N, C-alpha and C. Protein backbone atom coordinates (compact mmCIF):
# COMPACT_ATOMS: atom_id res chain seq x y z
N MET A 1 -14.18 -135.59 140.24
CA MET A 1 -13.69 -135.80 138.81
C MET A 1 -12.13 -135.80 138.97
N TYR A 2 -11.49 -134.91 139.92
CA TYR A 2 -9.99 -134.53 139.67
C TYR A 2 -9.23 -135.97 139.80
N PRO A 3 -9.36 -136.75 140.81
CA PRO A 3 -8.55 -137.82 140.78
C PRO A 3 -8.82 -138.75 139.59
N ILE A 4 -9.81 -138.92 139.10
CA ILE A 4 -10.18 -139.69 137.83
C ILE A 4 -9.30 -139.08 136.73
N MET A 5 -9.35 -137.75 136.56
CA MET A 5 -8.62 -137.00 135.54
C MET A 5 -7.05 -137.24 135.67
N GLN A 6 -6.65 -137.20 136.86
CA GLN A 6 -5.36 -137.54 137.19
C GLN A 6 -4.81 -138.88 136.66
N VAL A 7 -5.61 -139.87 136.99
CA VAL A 7 -5.22 -141.21 136.70
C VAL A 7 -5.36 -141.28 135.06
N ALA A 8 -6.49 -140.70 134.48
CA ALA A 8 -6.56 -140.96 133.08
C ALA A 8 -5.33 -140.13 132.38
N ASP A 9 -4.97 -139.11 132.92
CA ASP A 9 -3.86 -138.42 132.25
C ASP A 9 -2.58 -139.37 132.17
N ILE A 10 -2.37 -139.98 133.29
CA ILE A 10 -1.12 -141.00 133.27
C ILE A 10 -1.07 -141.86 132.24
N PHE A 11 -2.36 -142.50 131.97
CA PHE A 11 -2.35 -143.65 130.81
C PHE A 11 -2.42 -143.06 129.51
N ALA A 12 -3.13 -141.79 129.32
CA ALA A 12 -3.09 -141.30 127.98
C ALA A 12 -1.75 -140.71 127.64
N GLN A 13 -0.72 -140.39 128.53
CA GLN A 13 0.49 -139.90 128.10
C GLN A 13 1.47 -141.15 128.31
N GLU A 14 1.09 -142.30 128.53
CA GLU A 14 1.76 -143.54 128.57
C GLU A 14 2.96 -143.50 129.65
N ILE A 15 2.57 -142.96 130.85
CA ILE A 15 3.69 -142.72 131.73
C ILE A 15 4.05 -144.03 132.57
N ASN A 16 5.27 -144.40 132.63
CA ASN A 16 5.66 -145.52 133.28
C ASN A 16 5.87 -145.42 134.86
N ILE A 17 6.36 -144.23 135.04
CA ILE A 17 6.59 -143.77 136.55
C ILE A 17 5.99 -142.53 136.82
N ALA A 18 5.06 -142.58 137.81
CA ALA A 18 4.36 -141.36 138.28
C ALA A 18 5.03 -140.95 139.37
N HIS A 19 5.53 -139.67 139.42
CA HIS A 19 6.47 -139.10 140.44
C HIS A 19 5.62 -137.94 141.07
N SER A 20 5.25 -137.79 142.38
CA SER A 20 4.68 -136.64 142.80
C SER A 20 4.83 -136.47 144.31
N GLY A 21 4.16 -135.61 144.85
CA GLY A 21 4.31 -135.52 146.28
C GLY A 21 3.36 -136.57 146.96
N ALA A 22 3.56 -136.74 148.41
CA ALA A 22 2.92 -137.76 149.01
C ALA A 22 1.29 -137.56 149.08
N ASP A 23 0.98 -136.31 148.80
CA ASP A 23 -0.36 -136.04 148.90
C ASP A 23 -1.34 -136.64 147.52
N GLN A 24 -0.41 -137.22 146.67
CA GLN A 24 -1.17 -137.72 145.38
C GLN A 24 -1.20 -139.23 145.58
N ARG A 25 -0.86 -139.89 146.72
CA ARG A 25 -0.72 -141.24 146.90
C ARG A 25 -2.23 -141.83 146.60
N LYS A 26 -3.21 -141.24 146.96
CA LYS A 26 -4.62 -141.95 146.64
C LYS A 26 -4.94 -142.02 145.28
N ALA A 27 -4.65 -141.05 144.49
CA ALA A 27 -4.80 -141.05 142.97
C ALA A 27 -3.94 -142.01 142.26
N HIS A 28 -2.82 -142.38 143.07
CA HIS A 28 -1.75 -143.48 142.39
C HIS A 28 -2.26 -144.94 142.83
N VAL A 29 -2.85 -144.90 143.96
CA VAL A 29 -3.56 -146.15 144.25
C VAL A 29 -4.55 -146.63 143.35
N ILE A 30 -5.42 -145.67 143.06
CA ILE A 30 -6.47 -145.95 142.01
C ILE A 30 -5.77 -146.27 140.63
N MET A 31 -4.82 -145.58 140.30
CA MET A 31 -4.03 -145.73 139.08
C MET A 31 -3.64 -147.18 139.01
N ARG A 32 -2.86 -147.89 139.99
CA ARG A 32 -2.43 -149.19 140.03
C ARG A 32 -3.50 -150.08 140.23
N GLU A 33 -4.68 -149.93 140.83
CA GLU A 33 -5.89 -150.74 140.80
C GLU A 33 -6.44 -150.97 139.62
N VAL A 34 -6.71 -149.98 138.78
CA VAL A 34 -7.36 -150.03 137.42
C VAL A 34 -6.64 -150.49 136.31
N ALA A 35 -5.18 -150.37 136.47
CA ALA A 35 -4.28 -150.67 135.31
C ALA A 35 -4.56 -151.93 134.65
N PRO A 36 -4.71 -153.05 135.39
CA PRO A 36 -4.82 -154.34 134.79
C PRO A 36 -6.22 -154.57 133.91
N TYR A 37 -7.18 -153.68 134.25
CA TYR A 37 -8.47 -153.77 133.54
C TYR A 37 -8.87 -152.93 132.43
N LEU A 38 -7.88 -151.95 132.22
CA LEU A 38 -8.15 -151.04 131.18
C LEU A 38 -8.21 -151.72 129.77
N THR A 39 -9.16 -151.11 128.91
CA THR A 39 -9.43 -151.52 127.62
C THR A 39 -8.93 -150.42 126.73
N VAL A 40 -8.90 -149.17 127.23
CA VAL A 40 -8.41 -148.09 126.48
C VAL A 40 -7.14 -147.57 127.02
N LYS A 41 -6.02 -147.43 126.22
CA LYS A 41 -4.82 -146.93 126.58
C LYS A 41 -4.09 -147.69 127.68
N PRO A 42 -4.06 -149.02 127.84
CA PRO A 42 -3.46 -149.70 128.83
C PRO A 42 -2.01 -149.58 128.60
N LEU A 43 -1.11 -149.85 129.67
CA LEU A 43 0.21 -149.90 129.43
C LEU A 43 0.75 -151.42 129.04
N ARG A 44 1.28 -151.62 127.97
CA ARG A 44 1.68 -152.86 127.45
C ARG A 44 3.18 -153.05 127.41
N ARG A 45 3.73 -154.25 127.56
CA ARG A 45 5.06 -154.46 127.41
C ARG A 45 5.39 -156.03 127.02
N LYS A 46 6.51 -156.26 126.46
CA LYS A 46 6.88 -157.76 126.08
C LYS A 46 7.43 -158.31 127.23
N HIS A 47 6.92 -159.41 127.60
CA HIS A 47 7.62 -160.32 128.81
C HIS A 47 7.62 -161.66 128.34
N GLN A 48 8.68 -162.37 128.41
CA GLN A 48 8.89 -163.83 128.14
C GLN A 48 8.09 -164.20 126.83
N GLY A 49 8.34 -163.33 125.72
CA GLY A 49 7.82 -163.65 124.40
C GLY A 49 6.42 -163.43 124.16
N HIS A 50 5.76 -162.82 125.18
CA HIS A 50 4.31 -162.41 124.92
C HIS A 50 4.00 -161.06 125.52
N GLU A 51 3.01 -160.47 125.00
CA GLU A 51 2.65 -159.03 125.53
C GLU A 51 1.78 -159.12 126.88
N GLU A 52 2.03 -158.16 127.73
CA GLU A 52 1.15 -158.22 129.06
C GLU A 52 0.91 -156.71 129.47
N ILE A 53 -0.07 -156.60 130.08
CA ILE A 53 -0.55 -155.09 130.58
C ILE A 53 0.22 -155.02 131.90
N TYR A 54 0.82 -153.95 132.23
CA TYR A 54 1.44 -153.69 133.52
C TYR A 54 1.03 -152.46 134.26
N LYS A 55 1.30 -152.37 135.41
CA LYS A 55 1.02 -151.20 136.25
C LYS A 55 2.08 -150.29 136.24
N PRO A 56 1.85 -148.86 136.14
CA PRO A 56 2.81 -147.89 136.57
C PRO A 56 3.50 -147.93 137.86
N ILE A 57 4.74 -147.51 138.01
CA ILE A 57 5.37 -147.30 139.21
C ILE A 57 4.97 -146.00 139.81
N ALA A 58 4.79 -145.87 141.10
CA ALA A 58 4.41 -144.67 141.85
C ALA A 58 5.70 -144.26 142.68
N ILE A 59 6.29 -143.11 142.56
CA ILE A 59 7.26 -142.48 143.47
C ILE A 59 6.81 -141.31 144.14
N HIS A 60 6.86 -141.26 145.49
CA HIS A 60 6.41 -140.13 146.27
C HIS A 60 7.58 -139.60 147.08
N ASN A 61 7.45 -138.16 147.08
CA ASN A 61 8.37 -137.34 147.74
C ASN A 61 7.55 -136.74 148.93
N ALA A 62 8.27 -136.44 149.99
CA ALA A 62 7.69 -135.70 151.16
C ALA A 62 7.37 -134.32 150.62
N LEU A 63 6.13 -133.81 151.20
CA LEU A 63 5.69 -132.48 150.65
C LEU A 63 6.75 -131.36 151.23
N VAL A 64 6.81 -130.46 150.53
CA VAL A 64 7.69 -129.17 150.79
C VAL A 64 6.86 -128.09 151.03
N LEU A 65 6.87 -127.63 152.15
CA LEU A 65 5.79 -126.53 152.45
C LEU A 65 6.33 -125.14 151.89
N GLY A 66 5.02 -124.38 151.52
CA GLY A 66 5.15 -123.08 151.04
C GLY A 66 5.62 -122.10 152.23
N LEU A 67 6.20 -120.94 151.80
CA LEU A 67 6.92 -120.23 152.97
C LEU A 67 5.80 -119.28 153.77
N GLN A 68 4.55 -119.33 153.32
CA GLN A 68 3.67 -118.45 153.92
C GLN A 68 3.05 -118.97 155.27
N GLN A 69 2.54 -118.07 156.09
CA GLN A 69 1.86 -118.60 157.30
C GLN A 69 0.66 -119.22 156.99
N PRO A 70 0.18 -120.31 157.75
CA PRO A 70 -0.90 -120.89 157.46
C PRO A 70 -2.14 -120.07 157.83
N PRO A 71 -3.31 -120.19 157.39
CA PRO A 71 -4.50 -119.34 157.65
C PRO A 71 -4.81 -119.23 159.32
N VAL A 72 -4.67 -120.39 159.91
CA VAL A 72 -5.04 -120.45 161.31
C VAL A 72 -3.68 -120.73 162.09
N TRP A 73 -3.45 -119.86 163.14
CA TRP A 73 -2.16 -120.20 163.78
C TRP A 73 -2.46 -119.78 165.27
N PRO A 74 -2.10 -120.55 166.22
CA PRO A 74 -1.48 -121.95 166.09
C PRO A 74 -2.45 -122.96 165.45
N ILE A 75 -1.90 -124.02 164.86
CA ILE A 75 -2.66 -124.99 164.26
C ILE A 75 -3.42 -125.80 165.28
N PRO A 76 -4.69 -126.18 165.20
CA PRO A 76 -5.32 -126.91 166.14
C PRO A 76 -4.71 -128.15 166.34
N ARG A 77 -4.68 -128.81 167.52
CA ARG A 77 -4.23 -130.13 167.66
C ARG A 77 -4.88 -131.21 166.77
N GLY A 78 -4.00 -132.09 166.13
CA GLY A 78 -4.64 -133.10 165.31
C GLY A 78 -4.78 -132.66 164.11
N LYS A 79 -4.50 -131.38 163.57
CA LYS A 79 -4.85 -130.76 162.15
C LYS A 79 -3.48 -130.60 161.46
N VAL A 80 -2.25 -130.92 162.07
CA VAL A 80 -0.95 -130.48 161.53
C VAL A 80 -0.92 -131.16 160.08
N LYS A 81 -1.01 -132.47 159.96
CA LYS A 81 -0.93 -133.17 158.65
C LYS A 81 -1.89 -132.71 157.63
N GLU A 82 -3.02 -132.17 158.02
CA GLU A 82 -3.97 -131.82 157.10
C GLU A 82 -3.52 -130.38 156.55
N VAL A 83 -2.90 -129.50 157.36
CA VAL A 83 -2.45 -128.21 157.11
C VAL A 83 -1.34 -128.26 156.14
N ILE A 84 -0.38 -129.35 156.49
CA ILE A 84 0.83 -129.42 155.71
C ILE A 84 0.46 -129.71 154.22
N SER A 85 -0.59 -130.60 154.09
CA SER A 85 -0.85 -131.14 152.79
C SER A 85 -1.51 -129.78 152.04
N SER A 86 -2.22 -128.91 152.69
CA SER A 86 -2.84 -127.74 152.07
C SER A 86 -1.92 -126.57 151.84
N MET A 87 -0.80 -126.60 152.55
CA MET A 87 0.11 -125.48 152.46
C MET A 87 1.41 -125.81 151.70
N LYS A 88 1.43 -126.87 150.91
CA LYS A 88 2.58 -127.37 150.29
C LYS A 88 3.03 -126.17 149.26
N MET A 89 4.30 -126.28 148.89
CA MET A 89 4.90 -125.23 147.89
C MET A 89 4.05 -125.16 146.61
N SER A 90 3.71 -124.17 146.09
CA SER A 90 3.01 -124.02 144.74
C SER A 90 3.37 -122.91 143.99
N LYS A 91 3.42 -123.11 142.57
CA LYS A 91 3.89 -122.13 141.67
C LYS A 91 2.78 -121.07 141.61
N SER A 92 1.57 -121.39 142.00
CA SER A 92 0.42 -120.33 141.94
C SER A 92 0.62 -119.26 142.92
N LYS A 93 1.45 -119.45 144.07
CA LYS A 93 1.92 -118.63 144.97
C LYS A 93 3.42 -118.22 144.93
N PRO A 94 3.82 -117.34 143.83
CA PRO A 94 5.16 -117.23 143.64
C PRO A 94 6.07 -116.63 144.76
N ASN A 95 5.42 -115.81 145.54
CA ASN A 95 6.16 -115.47 146.70
C ASN A 95 6.46 -116.27 147.96
N THR A 96 5.82 -117.45 147.79
CA THR A 96 5.97 -118.39 148.84
C THR A 96 6.79 -119.67 148.46
N CYS A 97 7.36 -119.72 147.25
CA CYS A 97 8.10 -120.74 146.72
C CYS A 97 9.27 -120.27 146.06
N VAL A 98 10.24 -121.14 145.68
CA VAL A 98 11.50 -120.68 145.00
C VAL A 98 11.42 -121.51 143.63
N PHE A 99 11.69 -120.69 142.58
CA PHE A 99 11.72 -121.25 141.26
C PHE A 99 13.03 -121.61 140.86
N LEU A 100 13.27 -122.75 140.02
CA LEU A 100 14.84 -123.12 139.77
C LEU A 100 15.58 -122.09 139.12
N THR A 101 14.89 -120.99 138.39
CA THR A 101 15.72 -120.07 137.77
C THR A 101 15.68 -118.66 138.64
N ASP A 102 15.19 -118.67 139.96
CA ASP A 102 15.32 -117.47 140.73
C ASP A 102 16.67 -117.04 140.91
N SER A 103 16.74 -115.73 141.07
CA SER A 103 18.10 -115.18 141.22
C SER A 103 18.45 -115.33 142.82
N GLU A 104 19.74 -115.09 143.07
CA GLU A 104 20.13 -115.29 144.56
C GLU A 104 19.46 -114.26 145.26
N ALA A 105 19.34 -113.07 144.66
CA ALA A 105 18.61 -112.01 145.45
C ALA A 105 17.08 -112.25 145.73
N ASN A 106 16.42 -112.95 144.86
CA ASN A 106 15.06 -113.24 144.99
C ASN A 106 14.91 -114.34 146.03
N ILE A 107 15.88 -115.34 146.04
CA ILE A 107 15.81 -116.44 146.98
C ILE A 107 15.98 -115.76 148.34
N GLN A 108 16.96 -114.89 148.59
CA GLN A 108 17.16 -114.24 149.73
C GLN A 108 15.92 -113.50 150.27
N ALA A 109 15.26 -112.77 149.35
CA ALA A 109 14.15 -111.98 149.74
C ALA A 109 12.91 -112.86 150.19
N LYS A 110 12.79 -114.06 149.56
CA LYS A 110 11.69 -114.85 149.75
C LYS A 110 11.85 -115.52 151.20
N LEU A 111 13.12 -116.02 151.53
CA LEU A 111 13.43 -116.81 152.59
C LEU A 111 13.46 -115.71 153.78
N MET A 112 13.91 -114.56 153.70
CA MET A 112 13.87 -113.63 154.66
C MET A 112 12.38 -113.12 155.16
N SER A 113 11.42 -113.31 154.21
CA SER A 113 10.12 -113.00 154.60
C SER A 113 9.13 -114.41 155.00
N ALA A 114 10.06 -115.38 154.98
CA ALA A 114 9.11 -116.61 155.32
C ALA A 114 8.69 -116.73 156.72
N PHE A 115 7.59 -117.49 156.78
CA PHE A 115 7.14 -117.72 158.25
C PHE A 115 7.94 -118.68 158.82
N CYS A 116 8.57 -118.36 160.00
CA CYS A 116 9.53 -119.12 160.78
C CYS A 116 9.42 -118.73 162.31
N PRO A 117 8.52 -119.22 162.90
CA PRO A 117 8.35 -118.71 164.40
C PRO A 117 9.38 -119.39 165.14
N PRO A 118 9.84 -118.64 166.21
CA PRO A 118 10.96 -119.00 167.05
C PRO A 118 10.40 -120.22 167.91
N LYS A 119 11.50 -121.28 168.01
CA LYS A 119 11.35 -122.38 168.84
C LYS A 119 10.16 -123.52 168.24
N GLU A 120 9.57 -122.99 167.12
CA GLU A 120 8.66 -123.82 166.52
C GLU A 120 9.13 -124.84 165.49
N VAL A 121 8.91 -126.24 165.87
CA VAL A 121 9.52 -127.39 164.89
C VAL A 121 8.45 -128.06 164.34
N GLY A 122 7.19 -128.01 164.92
CA GLY A 122 6.06 -128.87 164.35
C GLY A 122 5.76 -128.36 163.03
N TYR A 123 5.62 -127.04 162.83
CA TYR A 123 5.10 -126.64 161.59
C TYR A 123 5.95 -125.24 161.31
N ASN A 124 6.99 -125.57 160.42
CA ASN A 124 7.99 -124.44 160.23
C ASN A 124 8.63 -124.54 158.80
N PRO A 125 8.12 -123.79 157.85
CA PRO A 125 8.40 -124.10 156.52
C PRO A 125 10.07 -124.06 156.24
N VAL A 126 10.84 -123.11 156.98
CA VAL A 126 12.21 -123.02 156.75
C VAL A 126 12.90 -124.27 157.24
N LEU A 127 12.30 -124.83 158.43
CA LEU A 127 13.00 -126.05 158.90
C LEU A 127 12.63 -127.33 158.02
N ASN A 128 11.45 -127.25 157.51
CA ASN A 128 10.84 -128.23 156.46
C ASN A 128 11.98 -128.28 155.14
N TRP A 129 12.19 -126.96 154.77
CA TRP A 129 13.16 -127.05 153.56
C TRP A 129 14.52 -127.53 154.06
N CYS A 130 15.03 -127.26 155.34
CA CYS A 130 16.32 -127.88 155.73
C CYS A 130 16.18 -129.37 155.62
N GLU A 131 15.24 -129.87 156.34
CA GLU A 131 15.14 -131.39 156.39
C GLU A 131 14.92 -132.09 155.05
N HIS A 132 14.15 -131.55 154.14
CA HIS A 132 13.68 -132.29 152.97
C HIS A 132 14.56 -131.85 151.70
N ILE A 133 15.26 -130.74 151.77
CA ILE A 133 16.11 -130.28 150.53
C ILE A 133 17.56 -130.21 151.01
N ILE A 134 17.93 -129.41 151.85
CA ILE A 134 19.26 -129.08 152.25
C ILE A 134 20.05 -130.30 152.75
N PHE A 135 19.58 -130.92 153.79
CA PHE A 135 20.25 -132.14 154.38
C PHE A 135 20.01 -133.37 153.45
N LYS A 136 19.05 -133.35 152.61
CA LYS A 136 19.07 -134.45 151.58
C LYS A 136 19.92 -134.27 150.51
N LEU A 137 20.43 -132.92 150.09
CA LEU A 137 21.27 -132.87 148.98
C LEU A 137 22.76 -132.42 149.45
N ASN A 138 22.88 -131.47 150.41
CA ASN A 138 24.04 -131.16 150.91
C ASN A 138 24.74 -131.78 152.15
N LYS A 139 23.93 -132.47 153.05
CA LYS A 139 24.13 -133.07 154.02
C LYS A 139 24.69 -132.16 155.15
N GLU A 140 24.72 -131.02 154.97
CA GLU A 140 25.15 -130.09 155.97
C GLU A 140 24.72 -128.64 155.84
N LEU A 141 24.67 -127.85 156.95
CA LEU A 141 24.16 -126.48 156.82
C LEU A 141 25.28 -125.67 157.71
N GLU A 142 25.81 -124.47 157.13
CA GLU A 142 26.66 -123.52 157.84
C GLU A 142 25.67 -122.20 158.26
N VAL A 143 25.65 -121.99 159.35
CA VAL A 143 24.97 -120.95 159.99
C VAL A 143 26.05 -119.88 160.54
N LYS A 144 25.91 -118.61 159.81
CA LYS A 144 26.94 -117.55 160.20
C LYS A 144 26.22 -116.52 161.10
N ARG A 145 26.86 -116.15 162.23
CA ARG A 145 26.14 -115.27 163.00
C ARG A 145 27.17 -114.55 163.97
N PRO A 146 27.01 -113.26 164.50
CA PRO A 146 27.87 -112.61 165.22
C PRO A 146 28.35 -113.46 166.40
N ALA A 147 29.60 -113.04 166.94
CA ALA A 147 30.15 -113.70 168.04
C ALA A 147 29.29 -113.46 169.31
N LYS A 148 28.51 -112.38 169.48
CA LYS A 148 27.61 -111.94 170.58
C LYS A 148 26.47 -112.92 170.61
N PHE A 149 26.16 -113.60 169.56
CA PHE A 149 24.99 -114.46 169.42
C PHE A 149 25.39 -115.94 169.32
N GLY A 150 26.72 -116.12 169.87
CA GLY A 150 27.23 -117.55 169.65
C GLY A 150 28.19 -117.82 168.68
N GLY A 151 28.50 -116.90 167.59
CA GLY A 151 29.21 -117.29 166.56
C GLY A 151 28.93 -118.18 165.57
N ASN A 152 29.53 -118.51 164.52
CA ASN A 152 29.20 -119.39 163.59
C ASN A 152 28.90 -120.95 164.01
N VAL A 153 27.87 -121.64 163.45
CA VAL A 153 27.72 -122.96 163.84
C VAL A 153 27.46 -123.94 162.72
N HIS A 154 28.07 -124.96 162.62
CA HIS A 154 27.95 -125.89 161.63
C HIS A 154 27.02 -127.15 161.89
N PHE A 155 26.12 -127.54 161.10
CA PHE A 155 25.40 -128.65 161.48
C PHE A 155 25.74 -129.73 160.19
N ASP A 156 25.80 -131.00 160.63
CA ASP A 156 25.85 -132.13 159.66
C ASP A 156 24.69 -133.04 159.87
N ASP A 157 23.80 -132.72 160.90
CA ASP A 157 22.79 -133.54 161.12
C ASP A 157 21.41 -132.72 161.40
N TYR A 158 20.32 -133.11 160.73
CA TYR A 158 19.08 -132.20 160.68
C TYR A 158 18.61 -132.33 162.18
N LYS A 159 18.61 -133.47 162.91
CA LYS A 159 18.07 -133.50 164.13
C LYS A 159 18.63 -132.52 165.24
N GLU A 160 20.08 -132.35 164.93
CA GLU A 160 20.87 -131.49 165.81
C GLU A 160 20.44 -130.00 165.65
N LEU A 161 20.20 -129.67 164.31
CA LEU A 161 19.58 -128.39 164.11
C LEU A 161 18.28 -128.15 164.55
N GLU A 162 17.31 -129.08 164.36
CA GLU A 162 16.02 -129.14 165.04
C GLU A 162 16.00 -128.83 166.66
N LYS A 163 16.89 -129.58 167.24
CA LYS A 163 16.96 -129.56 168.84
C LYS A 163 17.39 -128.14 169.23
N LEU A 164 18.35 -127.65 168.67
CA LEU A 164 19.04 -126.41 168.86
C LEU A 164 17.96 -125.30 168.66
N TYR A 165 17.19 -125.34 167.54
CA TYR A 165 16.12 -124.50 167.31
C TYR A 165 14.95 -124.51 168.29
N ALA A 166 14.59 -125.62 168.64
CA ALA A 166 13.53 -125.91 169.54
C ALA A 166 13.92 -125.36 170.79
N HIS A 167 15.15 -125.34 171.26
CA HIS A 167 15.51 -124.88 172.54
C HIS A 167 15.72 -123.26 172.65
N GLY A 168 15.49 -122.68 171.42
CA GLY A 168 15.73 -121.35 171.35
C GLY A 168 17.11 -120.86 171.26
N GLU A 169 18.00 -121.77 170.98
CA GLU A 169 19.62 -121.53 170.92
C GLU A 169 19.95 -120.98 169.54
N LEU A 170 18.93 -121.07 168.43
CA LEU A 170 19.16 -120.67 167.24
C LEU A 170 17.93 -119.67 166.64
N HIS A 171 18.33 -118.51 166.34
CA HIS A 171 17.19 -117.59 166.13
C HIS A 171 16.84 -117.75 164.57
N PRO A 172 15.62 -117.31 164.31
CA PRO A 172 15.06 -117.34 162.78
C PRO A 172 15.98 -116.36 162.01
N ALA A 173 16.39 -115.15 162.61
CA ALA A 173 17.23 -114.27 161.85
C ALA A 173 18.46 -114.74 161.41
N ASP A 174 18.99 -115.75 162.15
CA ASP A 174 20.28 -116.28 161.71
C ASP A 174 19.93 -117.57 160.67
N LEU A 175 18.93 -118.27 160.99
CA LEU A 175 18.68 -119.54 160.20
C LEU A 175 18.17 -119.07 158.80
N LYS A 176 17.48 -118.10 158.58
CA LYS A 176 16.90 -117.84 157.30
C LYS A 176 18.02 -117.49 156.19
N PRO A 177 18.90 -116.57 156.51
CA PRO A 177 19.95 -116.19 155.45
C PRO A 177 20.88 -117.47 155.22
N ALA A 178 21.07 -118.27 156.14
CA ALA A 178 21.81 -119.52 155.95
C ALA A 178 21.15 -120.61 155.02
N VAL A 179 19.72 -120.67 155.12
CA VAL A 179 18.92 -121.52 154.38
C VAL A 179 19.06 -120.86 152.98
N ALA A 180 18.64 -119.56 152.98
CA ALA A 180 18.62 -119.03 151.71
C ALA A 180 19.98 -119.22 150.86
N GLN A 181 21.16 -119.06 151.47
CA GLN A 181 22.34 -119.09 150.82
C GLN A 181 22.48 -120.58 150.27
N ALA A 182 22.21 -121.63 151.20
CA ALA A 182 22.17 -122.99 150.80
C ALA A 182 21.36 -123.29 149.68
N ILE A 183 20.13 -122.90 149.58
CA ILE A 183 19.35 -123.02 148.50
C ILE A 183 19.90 -122.44 147.22
N ALA A 184 20.35 -121.17 147.26
CA ALA A 184 20.95 -120.59 146.04
C ALA A 184 22.18 -121.21 145.67
N ASP A 185 22.88 -121.77 146.56
CA ASP A 185 24.21 -122.54 146.07
C ASP A 185 23.62 -123.98 145.31
N ILE A 186 22.55 -124.46 145.84
CA ILE A 186 22.07 -125.84 145.09
C ILE A 186 21.50 -125.46 143.75
N LEU A 187 20.94 -124.27 143.57
CA LEU A 187 20.44 -123.94 142.37
C LEU A 187 21.30 -123.23 141.49
N LYS A 188 22.53 -122.98 141.81
CA LYS A 188 23.44 -122.18 140.95
C LYS A 188 23.62 -122.74 139.69
N PRO A 189 23.88 -124.08 139.55
CA PRO A 189 24.08 -124.64 138.16
C PRO A 189 22.99 -124.57 137.32
N ILE A 190 21.88 -124.63 137.77
CA ILE A 190 20.60 -124.38 136.94
C ILE A 190 20.54 -122.97 136.51
N ARG A 191 20.75 -121.95 137.33
CA ARG A 191 20.75 -120.65 136.96
C ARG A 191 21.79 -120.28 136.00
N GLU A 192 23.09 -120.87 136.01
CA GLU A 192 24.06 -120.64 135.19
C GLU A 192 23.50 -121.35 133.78
N HIS A 193 23.09 -122.45 133.70
CA HIS A 193 22.67 -123.09 132.57
C HIS A 193 21.61 -122.24 131.71
N PHE A 194 20.61 -121.79 132.32
CA PHE A 194 19.56 -120.94 131.72
C PHE A 194 20.01 -119.48 131.45
N ALA A 195 21.10 -119.09 131.98
CA ALA A 195 21.80 -117.76 131.66
C ALA A 195 22.38 -117.85 130.17
N LYS A 196 22.71 -119.08 129.57
CA LYS A 196 23.12 -119.07 128.37
C LYS A 196 22.27 -118.68 127.43
N PRO A 197 22.73 -117.84 126.29
CA PRO A 197 21.64 -117.23 125.29
C PRO A 197 20.64 -118.23 124.83
N LYS A 198 21.00 -119.58 124.44
CA LYS A 198 20.15 -120.28 123.80
C LYS A 198 19.04 -120.73 124.90
N PHE A 199 19.43 -121.07 125.88
CA PHE A 199 18.37 -121.56 127.05
C PHE A 199 17.52 -120.38 127.66
N HIS A 200 18.24 -119.16 127.65
CA HIS A 200 17.47 -118.08 128.20
C HIS A 200 16.41 -117.65 127.19
N ALA A 201 16.82 -117.86 125.85
CA ALA A 201 15.64 -117.48 124.76
C ALA A 201 14.48 -118.47 124.99
N MET A 202 14.77 -119.79 125.26
CA MET A 202 13.86 -120.74 125.41
C MET A 202 12.95 -120.37 126.54
N MET A 203 13.47 -120.05 127.71
CA MET A 203 12.69 -119.75 128.81
C MET A 203 11.89 -118.48 128.62
N HIS A 204 12.32 -117.56 127.87
CA HIS A 204 11.59 -116.32 127.62
C HIS A 204 10.35 -116.75 126.73
N GLU A 205 10.53 -117.57 125.77
CA GLU A 205 9.50 -118.06 124.81
C GLU A 205 8.39 -118.70 125.73
N LEU A 206 8.92 -119.58 126.65
CA LEU A 206 7.98 -120.40 127.35
C LEU A 206 7.17 -119.32 128.25
N GLU A 207 7.78 -118.43 128.90
CA GLU A 207 7.04 -117.45 129.66
C GLU A 207 6.08 -116.65 129.00
N GLN A 208 6.35 -116.33 127.73
CA GLN A 208 5.37 -115.62 126.95
C GLN A 208 4.19 -116.47 126.74
N LEU A 209 4.30 -117.75 126.49
CA LEU A 209 3.33 -118.57 126.17
C LEU A 209 2.50 -118.75 127.41
N THR A 210 3.07 -118.62 128.56
CA THR A 210 2.15 -118.73 129.74
C THR A 210 1.64 -117.61 130.36
N ILE A 211 1.81 -116.44 129.86
CA ILE A 211 1.40 -115.11 130.41
C ILE A 211 -0.08 -115.17 130.15
N LYS A 212 -0.97 -114.81 131.02
CA LYS A 212 -2.38 -114.64 130.92
C LYS A 212 -2.73 -113.30 130.20
N LYS A 213 -3.50 -113.70 129.08
CA LYS A 213 -3.85 -112.45 128.31
C LYS A 213 -5.10 -111.85 128.90
């Protein structure tokens, strides 16, 4: 029933663009296949002087992993994609994800406790965030480390970072704080926005509404 409910929800809300993770693609394929045949809540638009039913657009982002260790490690061969889909970042597991309004200290704490095995690039949440968040938005990452461990290193290409990590030339203890700082910097404008009295009050009201009784 869940995929059917997902599809029905899109048409009930008259959504033109369905935006989600790549794991929702199957539901969106159904959405587009049934769109021309709906008699209840179809999407309609004016085109060349007459009304027509049209299909919603589907946009998919790569899944961003939660920071927790998978239930089985190492992951069996051939199961990596399946595990990635099941271990995506979720607000239902607050210690394994970062919220838009998390403080810099909270972000640091979550990243420092993240699952990040040395030399592992096939399944590594911290590297996953580098690839899909940091290098997509910032295009670079600065890793600060003591001179005895090689000194600071600057990356402007994800593959370069991945290669160095895979060879053991970059340790998780150096990567984690760098990623935490980069994420905190990306979210800084949002934190500042919701720190304003008006928007802080709105957030508090929303939190009160969502607290389980």
